[in-house]
Amino acid sequence: MQINLDRLVRDIEKYAEYGKNNNGGITRPSFSKADHEVRALFIQELEELGLNVTIDGAANIWGRKKGTGKQEGTIVIGSHLDSVPNGGKYDGPLGVLTAKEIIKTLIEHDIMLDHDLEIVSFTAEESNDFNLSTFGSRSFAGKLPAEMLETVHDSKGNLIKTELEKVGGGLEKFPAMGQMAEEKKAFIELHIEQGKRLESRNLSVAVINKFVGMYRSTVRVSGQANHSGTTMMEHRQDALAAAAEIILEVERHCREDETDLVGSVGKLNVFPNATNIIPGQVEFNLEVRGEDGDRIYKVVDLIRESWKTIAQKRQVEVEEEIFLRQDPIDLDQEIVSILQRTAEEMKEPYRTFASMAVHDAAHMAAVTKSAMIFVKSINGKSHCPEEISLPEDIEKAGNLMLKSLMNIDRELSKNMTEKNGTQVFREAANR
């Protein structure tokens, strides 16, 4: 039994028409007209498959295929359908549409799992005008309570609670998500890699076992603004020149680290930002990501020590304000092991590594057993029209997910039976 690749590719192309722009990219942020249209299409198709469709408080769309009833709870597969501005057709939709194709395949082969099977499309996974990325999965996991969202609005003044109501959600439905979360027994998300690790090894798939930790801060370099023509070079306290050296130190220390740790600097603001004035102040954001939380902070400490030397030499001041300390998130080892064993059974070469970006599976890990499958990205491109994963790689990943799903259903059922058997034995022994 295998997925129908031709049908899946047609599905990907069909969904890519919603929000398509003249550059060949897709602009489909959550709550936009294109998002409303693609939601309606998705719901219609789930209903045509005979699934029971539910829209929760965060406007996440759930479709449920009944199982045999032998086991309580559901196994969930899916991702998201929204996109960044001028994005690609695979980031998010590939996971949702592959999940839909898997359900079609099971229906065609008249196969029922012991658990109920659910497909989900999470709301607003991508960064958006409400400044709430991974909104749907965070809300479902209880990390964004309704009271926190009452006054949240976008740059046009639209309240998020109003936008949720337009697509079937609503803050008054948030408490029910806690009850829904209790029945989820596992979540598996398929996603494009958005990097070159698979391509560099000529592999189609990877099993993801964790999400990296993340450190972010705002750094302010303060020097002395002055006339650029009359201030001699030896008399300058140029904040931008100092910031340039500081930024290079970030790159140097992250390159020298022996792990997969990465560091970046972005969002520079230069003051007063005039041609004939030596910059008096520069602000930028620092980000460091890595699998090992202690390693992240060790590298950050090394970077800070370098800054002290530069600040003293250039007679500037460096201040830092930390606004994010996110620890690495381990995914469920049982589910990860089943994905690995399934790939080996299929004789499909794979690697196991951490995701460098946060996905919905990271937040679902707070709710249930969670893991991910990555698909090779050509040239590592993502969040752009050139984003692509080849059909042959998609097919391998889709079949791996299909077979893993059946193995997960079997293993969870077996473990529950053994657990119940042990409990019966203990109760009998205590009589």
Protein backbone atom coordinates (compact mmCIF):
# COMPACT_ATOMS: atom_id res chain seq x y z
CA MET A 1 0.00 0.00 0.00
CA GLN A 2 1.38 3.38 -1.07
CA ILE A 3 0.16 6.93 -1.44
CA ASN A 4 -1.00 8.15 -4.86
CA LEU A 5 1.81 10.56 -5.78
CA ASP A 6 0.13 11.97 -8.89
CA ARG A 7 -2.98 12.83 -6.91
CA LEU A 8 -0.91 14.46 -4.17
CA VAL A 9 1.07 16.58 -6.67
CA ARG A 10 -2.21 17.74 -8.26
CA ASP A 11 -3.47 18.65 -4.80
CA ILE A 12 -0.35 20.71 -4.08
CA GLU A 13 -0.75 22.61 -7.34
CA LYS A 14 -4.45 23.21 -6.72
CA TYR A 15 -3.90 24.66 -3.25
CA ALA A 16 -1.02 26.80 -4.57
CA GLU A 17 -3.52 28.79 -6.66
CA TYR A 18 -4.94 30.38 -3.51
CA GLY A 19 -2.97 33.55 -2.81
CA LYS A 20 -0.74 33.12 -5.86
CA ASN A 21 0.91 36.38 -6.96
CA ASN A 22 2.49 37.63 -10.18
CA ASN A 23 5.96 36.55 -9.01
CA GLY A 24 4.90 32.92 -8.80
CA GLY A 25 4.94 33.07 -5.01
CA ILE A 26 2.10 32.59 -2.56
CA THR A 27 0.85 35.21 -0.12
CA ARG A 28 -1.70 33.54 2.14
CA PRO A 29 -1.46 34.84 5.70
CA SER A 30 -4.07 33.59 8.15
CA PHE A 31 -7.36 35.51 8.11
CA SER A 32 -6.72 36.89 4.61
CA LYS A 33 -9.19 36.42 1.73
CA ALA A 34 -7.01 33.66 0.29
CA ASP A 35 -6.87 31.95 3.68
CA HIS A 36 -10.66 32.08 4.00
CA GLU A 37 -10.97 30.50 0.54
CA VAL A 38 -8.46 27.71 1.19
CA ARG A 39 -10.11 26.95 4.54
CA ALA A 40 -13.47 26.53 2.83
CA LEU A 41 -11.91 24.22 0.22
CA PHE A 42 -10.15 22.12 2.87
CA ILE A 43 -13.28 21.73 5.00
CA GLN A 44 -15.33 20.77 1.95
CA GLU A 45 -12.81 18.11 0.93
CA LEU A 46 -12.67 16.64 4.45
CA GLU A 47 -16.45 16.40 4.54
CA GLU A 48 -16.48 14.74 1.10
CA LEU A 49 -14.12 12.10 2.56
CA GLY A 50 -16.71 11.41 5.23
CA LEU A 51 -14.68 12.92 8.07
CA ASN A 52 -16.26 14.60 11.06
CA VAL A 53 -15.01 18.23 10.88
CA THR A 54 -14.49 20.40 13.96
CA ILE A 55 -13.17 23.97 14.22
CA ASP A 56 -11.76 24.76 17.64
CA GLY A 57 -11.39 28.10 19.42
CA ALA A 58 -8.12 28.96 17.65
CA ALA A 59 -9.81 28.16 14.30
CA ASN A 60 -7.67 25.04 13.86
CA ILE A 61 -9.47 22.69 11.46
CA TRP A 62 -9.78 19.04 12.56
CA GLY A 63 -11.10 16.14 10.49
CA ARG A 64 -11.74 12.81 12.19
CA LYS A 65 -11.78 9.32 10.64
CA LYS A 66 -13.28 6.75 12.97
CA GLY A 67 -11.18 3.75 13.98
CA THR A 68 -12.21 0.29 15.07
CA GLY A 69 -12.99 1.54 18.56
CA LYS A 70 -10.53 -0.88 20.15
CA GLN A 71 -8.48 2.01 21.52
CA GLU A 72 -9.55 5.34 22.94
CA GLY A 73 -8.12 8.62 21.74
CA THR A 74 -6.76 9.81 18.41
CA ILE A 75 -3.54 9.86 16.41
CA VAL A 76 -3.10 13.22 14.67
CA ILE A 77 -1.32 14.09 11.43
CA GLY A 78 -1.09 17.49 9.72
CA SER A 79 0.60 20.89 9.64
CA HIS A 80 -0.57 24.34 8.41
CA LEU A 81 -1.96 25.98 5.26
CA ASP A 82 -0.98 29.63 5.76
CA SER A 83 2.10 31.15 4.12
CA VAL A 84 4.54 34.01 4.52
CA PRO A 85 4.32 36.91 2.02
CA ASN A 86 5.61 35.75 -1.37
CA GLY A 87 6.31 32.29 0.01
CA GLY A 88 6.37 28.84 -1.56
CA LYS A 89 3.79 26.12 -2.08
CA TYR A 90 5.34 23.43 0.16
CA ASP A 91 6.02 24.99 3.57
CA GLY A 92 3.03 23.81 5.59
CA PRO A 93 0.62 22.66 2.88
CA LEU A 94 2.82 19.67 2.05
CA GLY A 95 2.25 18.31 5.56
CA VAL A 96 -1.50 18.91 5.46
CA LEU A 97 -2.04 17.57 1.94
CA THR A 98 0.16 14.51 2.52
CA ALA A 99 -1.91 13.79 5.62
CA LYS A 100 -5.09 14.08 3.51
CA GLU A 101 -3.60 11.77 0.89
CA ILE A 102 -2.77 9.21 3.59
CA ILE A 103 -6.37 9.26 4.79
CA LYS A 104 -7.60 8.80 1.20
CA THR A 105 -5.24 5.85 0.80
CA LEU A 106 -6.52 4.19 3.99
CA ILE A 107 -10.12 4.70 2.89
CA GLU A 108 -9.43 3.24 -0.56
CA HIS A 109 -7.86 0.16 1.02
CA ASP A 110 -10.68 -0.11 3.59
CA ILE A 111 -8.20 0.10 6.49
CA MET A 112 -9.25 1.28 9.94
CA LEU A 113 -6.79 1.98 12.73
CA ASP A 114 -7.53 0.90 16.28
CA HIS A 115 -7.40 4.59 17.24
CA ASP A 116 -9.42 7.29 15.55
CA LEU A 117 -7.27 9.18 13.04
CA GLU A 118 -7.33 12.98 12.83
CA ILE A 119 -5.98 15.46 10.31
CA VAL A 120 -5.33 19.03 11.44
CA SER A 121 -4.53 22.35 9.79
CA PHE A 122 -3.22 24.74 12.43
CA THR A 123 -4.00 28.46 12.26
CA ALA A 124 -1.33 31.12 11.74
CA GLU A 125 1.81 29.00 12.03
CA GLU A 126 3.82 31.60 10.12
CA SER A 127 4.76 35.05 11.39
CA ASN A 128 1.81 37.38 10.91
CA ASP A 129 0.49 40.88 11.48
CA PHE A 130 -0.75 39.89 14.94
CA ASN A 131 2.84 39.01 15.99
CA LEU A 132 1.66 35.55 17.08
CA SER A 133 3.43 32.84 15.08
CA THR A 134 2.49 29.18 15.72
CA PHE A 135 -0.73 30.70 17.04
CA GLY A 136 -2.97 27.67 16.51
CA SER A 137 -0.75 25.05 18.11
CA ARG A 138 0.32 27.35 20.95
CA SER A 139 -3.32 28.13 21.72
CA PHE A 140 -4.27 24.46 21.58
CA ALA A 141 -1.43 23.62 23.98
CA GLY A 142 -2.71 26.22 26.45
CA LYS A 143 0.24 28.57 25.97
CA LEU A 144 -1.95 31.45 24.73
CA PRO A 145 -4.94 31.75 27.08
CA ALA A 146 -8.08 33.55 25.90
CA GLU A 147 -7.74 36.39 28.40
CA MET A 148 -4.33 37.25 26.95
CA LEU A 149 -5.86 37.64 23.47
CA GLU A 150 -8.84 39.87 24.25
CA THR A 151 -7.20 43.08 23.01
CA VAL A 152 -4.63 41.68 20.55
CA HIS A 153 -4.93 43.41 17.17
CA ASP A 154 -3.03 43.74 13.90
CA SER A 155 -1.52 46.89 12.37
CA LYS A 156 -4.94 47.86 10.94
CA GLY A 157 -6.67 47.58 14.30
CA ASN A 158 -8.45 44.28 13.56
CA LEU A 159 -8.97 42.29 16.75
CA ILE A 160 -7.81 38.69 16.59
CA LYS A 161 -10.91 37.56 18.47
CA THR A 162 -13.07 39.01 15.68
CA GLU A 163 -10.98 37.36 12.96
CA LEU A 164 -11.27 34.01 14.75
CA GLU A 165 -15.05 34.29 14.84
CA LYS A 166 -15.15 34.91 11.07
CA VAL A 167 -13.63 31.47 10.42
CA GLY A 168 -15.51 29.49 13.04
CA GLY A 169 -13.26 29.95 16.06
CA GLY A 170 -13.68 32.24 19.06
CA LEU A 171 -12.19 32.96 22.46
CA GLU A 172 -15.28 31.53 24.19
CA LYS A 173 -14.37 28.14 22.67
CA PHE A 174 -10.82 28.13 24.11
CA PRO A 175 -11.68 26.13 27.29
CA ALA A 176 -12.95 23.23 25.17
CA MET A 177 -9.51 22.87 23.56
CA GLY A 178 -8.15 21.59 26.86
CA GLN A 179 -10.65 18.74 26.78
CA MET A 180 -9.82 18.03 23.12
CA ALA A 181 -6.11 17.88 23.95
CA GLU A 182 -6.60 15.09 26.48
CA GLU A 183 -7.63 12.58 23.82
CA LYS A 184 -4.62 13.11 21.53
CA LYS A 185 -2.31 10.10 21.82
CA ALA A 186 0.31 11.10 19.22
CA PHE A 187 1.06 13.81 16.66
CA ILE A 188 3.26 13.42 13.58
CA GLU A 189 4.04 16.37 11.32
CA LEU A 190 5.62 16.13 7.88
CA HIS A 191 7.45 19.27 6.71
CA ILE A 192 10.06 20.39 4.23
CA GLU A 193 13.52 20.71 5.76
CA GLN A 194 14.17 24.36 4.76
CA GLY A 195 17.89 23.68 4.75
CA LYS A 196 20.61 21.69 2.96
CA ARG A 197 21.49 18.95 5.41
CA LEU A 198 19.52 16.27 3.55
CA GLU A 199 20.52 17.46 0.11
CA SER A 200 24.19 17.56 1.07
CA ARG A 201 23.95 13.88 2.03
CA ASN A 202 21.74 12.92 -0.93
CA LEU A 203 18.95 11.76 1.38
CA SER A 204 15.21 12.20 0.91
CA VAL A 205 14.02 12.09 4.51
CA ALA A 206 15.02 12.79 8.10
CA VAL A 207 13.51 11.86 11.44
CA ILE A 208 13.36 14.85 13.81
CA ASN A 209 14.02 14.12 17.47
CA LYS A 210 14.16 17.61 18.97
CA PHE A 211 13.86 21.35 18.43
CA VAL A 212 16.84 23.56 19.08
CA GLY A 213 16.97 26.08 21.88
CA MET A 214 16.98 29.76 21.01
CA TYR A 215 18.52 32.88 22.54
CA ARG A 216 17.53 36.36 21.35
CA SER A 217 18.50 39.80 22.57
CA THR A 218 18.58 43.43 21.53
CA VAL A 219 22.09 44.91 21.55
CA ARG A 220 22.72 48.66 21.70
CA VAL A 221 26.12 50.09 20.76
CA SER A 222 26.52 53.74 21.81
CA GLY A 223 29.34 55.96 20.55
CA GLN A 224 29.42 59.66 19.64
CA ALA A 225 27.62 61.23 16.70
CA ASN A 226 29.76 63.89 15.00
CA HIS A 227 30.47 65.62 11.70
CA SER A 228 31.83 63.06 9.25
CA GLY A 229 34.00 65.59 7.41
CA THR A 230 35.63 67.44 10.28
CA THR A 231 36.21 64.58 12.76
CA MET A 232 39.57 62.92 12.19
CA MET A 233 39.71 59.14 12.16
CA GLU A 234 41.65 58.88 15.41
CA HIS A 235 39.06 61.05 17.18
CA ARG A 236 36.00 59.03 16.27
CA GLN A 237 33.69 56.91 18.44
CA ASP A 238 31.86 55.34 15.52
CA ALA A 239 29.04 53.11 16.80
CA LEU A 240 28.47 51.49 13.40
CA ALA A 241 32.12 50.56 12.87
CA ALA A 242 32.16 49.07 16.38
CA ALA A 243 28.91 47.21 15.69
CA ALA A 244 30.43 45.79 12.50
CA GLU A 245 33.30 44.29 14.48
CA ILE A 246 30.90 43.00 17.10
CA ILE A 247 28.74 41.31 14.47
CA LEU A 248 31.79 39.61 12.97
CA GLU A 249 32.60 38.22 16.41
CA VAL A 250 29.16 36.60 16.49
CA GLU A 251 29.93 34.92 13.18
CA ARG A 252 33.43 33.87 14.27
CA HIS A 253 32.41 32.21 17.53
CA CYS A 254 29.45 30.40 15.95
CA ARG A 255 31.62 29.15 13.07
CA GLU A 256 34.26 27.89 15.48
CA ASP A 257 31.74 25.91 17.52
CA GLU A 258 31.95 22.18 16.77
CA THR A 259 28.20 21.53 17.01
CA ASP A 260 25.35 22.56 14.67
CA LEU A 261 24.94 25.80 16.60
CA VAL A 262 24.14 28.86 14.45
CA GLY A 263 24.14 32.58 15.15
CA SER A 264 22.76 35.58 13.30
CA VAL A 265 22.40 39.33 13.58
CA GLY A 266 19.54 41.22 11.99
CA LYS A 267 17.19 44.19 12.16
CA LEU A 268 19.84 46.91 12.40
CA ASN A 269 18.80 50.47 13.29
CA VAL A 270 21.43 53.16 12.83
CA PHE A 271 21.10 56.61 14.46
CA PRO A 272 20.99 59.27 13.17
CA ASN A 273 21.47 57.43 9.84
CA ALA A 274 22.65 60.39 7.79
CA THR A 275 25.38 60.57 5.14
CA ASN A 276 27.46 63.29 6.79
CA ILE A 277 27.11 62.20 10.43
CA ILE A 278 29.21 59.56 12.17
CA PRO A 279 26.73 57.03 13.61
CA GLY A 280 26.23 57.65 17.32
CA GLN A 281 24.17 54.59 18.11
CA VAL A 282 23.32 51.22 16.55
CA GLU A 283 20.73 48.71 17.68
CA PHE A 284 20.50 45.15 16.39
CA ASN A 285 19.00 41.79 17.32
CA LEU A 286 21.21 38.82 18.17
CA GLU A 287 19.98 35.26 17.75
CA VAL A 288 21.80 32.02 18.62
CA ARG A 289 20.24 28.56 18.11
CA GLY A 290 21.56 25.15 19.09
CA GLU A 291 20.67 21.64 20.27
CA ASP A 292 22.43 22.07 23.63
CA GLY A 293 21.15 24.85 25.88
CA ASP A 294 24.37 25.02 27.90
CA ARG A 295 26.38 25.28 24.69
CA ILE A 296 24.26 28.22 23.52
CA TYR A 297 24.99 30.19 26.66
CA LYS A 298 28.68 29.28 26.59
CA VAL A 299 28.99 30.71 23.06
CA VAL A 300 26.99 33.78 24.05
CA ASP A 301 29.43 34.35 26.94
CA LEU A 302 32.38 34.10 24.52
CA ILE A 303 30.71 36.63 22.23
CA ARG A 304 30.16 39.02 25.14
CA GLU A 305 33.82 38.81 26.16
CA SER A 306 34.82 39.81 22.63
CA TRP A 307 32.45 42.76 22.80
CA LYS A 308 34.17 44.08 25.92
CA THR A 309 37.51 44.21 24.10
CA ILE A 310 36.00 45.97 21.09
CA ALA A 311 34.09 48.45 23.26
CA GLN A 312 37.26 49.39 25.16
CA LYS A 313 39.33 49.76 21.99
CA ARG A 314 36.73 51.88 20.18
CA GLN A 315 35.52 53.82 23.25
CA VAL A 316 31.88 52.80 22.90
CA GLU A 317 29.34 51.31 25.29
CA VAL A 318 27.57 47.99 24.63
CA GLU A 319 24.28 47.15 26.35
CA GLU A 320 22.19 44.03 25.90
CA GLU A 321 18.55 43.28 26.69
CA ILE A 322 17.52 39.60 26.52
CA PHE A 323 13.98 38.97 25.28
CA LEU A 324 13.96 35.22 24.59
CA ARG A 325 15.49 32.19 26.32
CA GLN A 326 13.90 29.09 24.79
CA ASP A 327 15.26 25.74 25.93
CA PRO A 328 15.64 22.86 23.45
CA ILE A 329 12.52 20.69 23.17
CA ASP A 330 12.91 16.91 23.06
CA LEU A 331 10.35 15.05 20.96
CA ASP A 332 8.91 11.72 22.05
CA GLN A 333 11.52 8.98 21.93
CA GLU A 334 8.96 6.20 21.44
CA ILE A 335 7.48 7.84 18.33
CA VAL A 336 10.94 8.81 17.05
CA SER A 337 12.06 5.18 17.42
CA ILE A 338 9.03 3.92 15.49
CA LEU A 339 9.78 6.36 12.65
CA GLN A 340 13.40 5.20 12.59
CA ARG A 341 12.49 1.49 12.64
CA THR A 342 9.92 2.00 9.90
CA ALA A 343 12.48 3.72 7.67
CA GLU A 344 14.84 0.78 8.26
CA GLU A 345 12.09 -1.73 7.46
CA MET A 346 11.46 0.13 4.21
CA LYS A 347 15.23 0.25 3.54
CA GLU A 348 14.90 4.02 3.23
CA PRO A 349 18.17 5.82 4.15
CA TYR A 350 17.61 8.62 6.66
CA ARG A 351 19.29 10.83 9.23
CA THR A 352 18.08 11.85 12.66
CA PHE A 353 18.69 15.43 13.70
CA ALA A 354 17.17 18.47 15.38
CA SER A 355 14.92 20.99 13.69
CA MET A 356 16.57 24.40 13.60
CA ALA A 357 13.17 26.11 13.20
CA VAL A 358 10.11 25.87 15.43
CA HIS A 359 7.06 24.08 14.01
CA ASP A 360 3.64 23.14 15.36
CA ALA A 361 5.04 19.79 16.54
CA ALA A 362 7.12 21.67 19.12
CA HIS A 363 4.00 22.92 20.89
CA MET A 364 2.08 19.69 20.42
CA ALA A 365 4.91 18.06 22.38
CA ALA A 366 3.41 19.72 25.46
CA VAL A 367 0.11 17.96 24.75
CA THR A 368 1.02 14.49 23.47
CA LYS A 369 3.72 12.26 22.00
CA SER A 370 5.10 14.33 19.13
CA ALA A 371 7.62 13.84 16.31
CA MET A 372 8.40 15.01 12.77
CA ILE A 373 9.52 13.83 9.35
CA PHE A 374 11.52 16.19 7.13
CA VAL A 375 11.56 16.10 3.32
CA LYS A 376 14.58 17.22 1.29
CA SER A 377 14.48 20.87 0.17
CA ILE A 378 16.26 21.60 -3.13
CA ASN A 379 19.02 24.18 -2.57
CA GLY A 380 17.68 24.57 0.96
CA LYS A 381 15.30 27.28 -0.22
CA SER A 382 12.15 28.18 1.68
CA HIS A 383 9.87 31.17 2.30
CA CYS A 384 10.34 32.13 -1.35
CA PRO A 385 8.78 31.22 -4.72
CA GLU A 386 11.78 29.00 -5.53
CA GLU A 387 10.94 26.67 -2.63
CA ILE A 388 10.65 23.09 -3.92
CA SER A 389 10.75 19.47 -2.84
CA LEU A 390 10.88 16.92 -5.65
CA PRO A 391 8.01 14.43 -6.21
CA GLU A 392 10.29 11.42 -5.68
CA ASP A 393 11.34 12.75 -2.27
CA ILE A 394 7.75 13.61 -1.34
CA GLU A 395 6.65 10.09 -2.26
CA LYS A 396 9.29 8.50 -0.03
CA ALA A 397 8.40 10.76 2.90
CA GLY A 398 4.67 10.20 2.40
CA ASN A 399 5.02 6.43 2.34
CA LEU A 400 7.28 6.56 5.40
CA MET A 401 4.59 8.53 7.21
CA LEU A 402 1.84 6.15 6.08
CA LYS A 403 3.66 3.03 7.26
CA SER A 404 4.85 4.73 10.45
CA LEU A 405 1.29 5.75 11.24
CA MET A 406 0.15 2.13 11.09
CA ASN A 407 3.11 1.04 13.22
CA ILE A 408 2.40 3.78 15.77
CA ASP A 409 -1.24 2.69 15.97
CA ARG A 410 -0.13 -0.90 16.53
CA GLU A 411 2.57 -0.06 19.09
CA LEU A 412 0.36 2.30 21.11
CA SER A 413 -2.40 -0.34 21.12
CA LYS A 414 0.06 -3.02 22.21
CA ASN A 415 1.49 -0.86 24.99
CA MET A 416 -1.97 0.04 26.25
CA THR A 417 -3.02 -3.62 26.26
CA GLU A 418 0.11 -4.58 28.20
CA LYS A 419 -0.45 -1.71 30.63
CA ASN A 420 -4.06 -2.73 31.20
CA GLY A 421 -3.00 -6.36 31.63
CA THR A 422 -0.47 -5.38 34.27
CA GLN A 423 -3.10 -3.32 36.06
CA VAL A 424 -5.54 -6.27 36.08
CA PHE A 425 -2.78 -8.54 37.44
CA ARG A 426 -1.98 -6.06 40.21
CA GLU A 427 -5.60 -5.66 41.16
CA ALA A 428 -6.05 -9.44 41.32
CA ALA A 429 -2.93 -9.81 43.47
CA ASN A 430 -4.22 -7.21 45.91
CA ARG A 431 -7.59 -8.89 46.46
